Structure formats: structure tokens, C-alpha cells
């Protein structure tokens, strides 16, 4: 079975101390259902040795188009109300799930 995946290569200097793979695995295996679908699941992880050292690689399902790109390609430069409502609902569910799991996400920002 072939499918698309995203591979995140972490810098060698932070590969041994990043908790990302463990966190994604823990969140994916959560018994709680509400909001879990908004968090990418960990498909696999592996290590690659390159000229700058040993890098941890994390494999997840691919992200879809970013909100910024979706807004930029929109005819009006804005989301229709129903689309905006859906996006906000997904965001709230995802953040609520992370908070339920005592996890804080720190890179949400307005672009």
C-alpha cells in the first residue's frame, strides 16, 4: 500500500533531547477521543547519520494546506463563515485535547 507521509528531520544538536516523538506516540495512544483526531499520529521514527551528525526523523501523516496558504488562494482573501467556524472548532478541540493530556502547545500564532 502506498501513501504519502511527512518526514520531519530534527537537527542533530537537539535530536537526543526532543520529546516530540514520545509525545506524539503518547497522544496517539490516548483513550480520550474528543479532539484526538486533530493531533497528527506518529507513524514511525528513525535515525539518519549525515555530515552534521545523527538526526532523529519523525514520520507523520502529511499536513494539509496551511491556513495562510488557504486564505491567500481564496477569492476574497477570507474564509466563508462556515469554513471559519469549522477551523475554529477544530482548533478548540485540539487545544482542549492537549490541555486534557496536560500538554501545552506553544507555537500558535497569527500570521
Foldseek 3Di string as FASTA:
>chain_A
DDDDKDKDKDQQVCQVPDCVLVVLQVLCPDPDDFLSVLRWHFPDWDWDQDPRGIIIMTITHDDDDDPCVVLVPDPVSDDDPVVVVVVVVSVVRNCVSCVVVVHDDDPDDDD
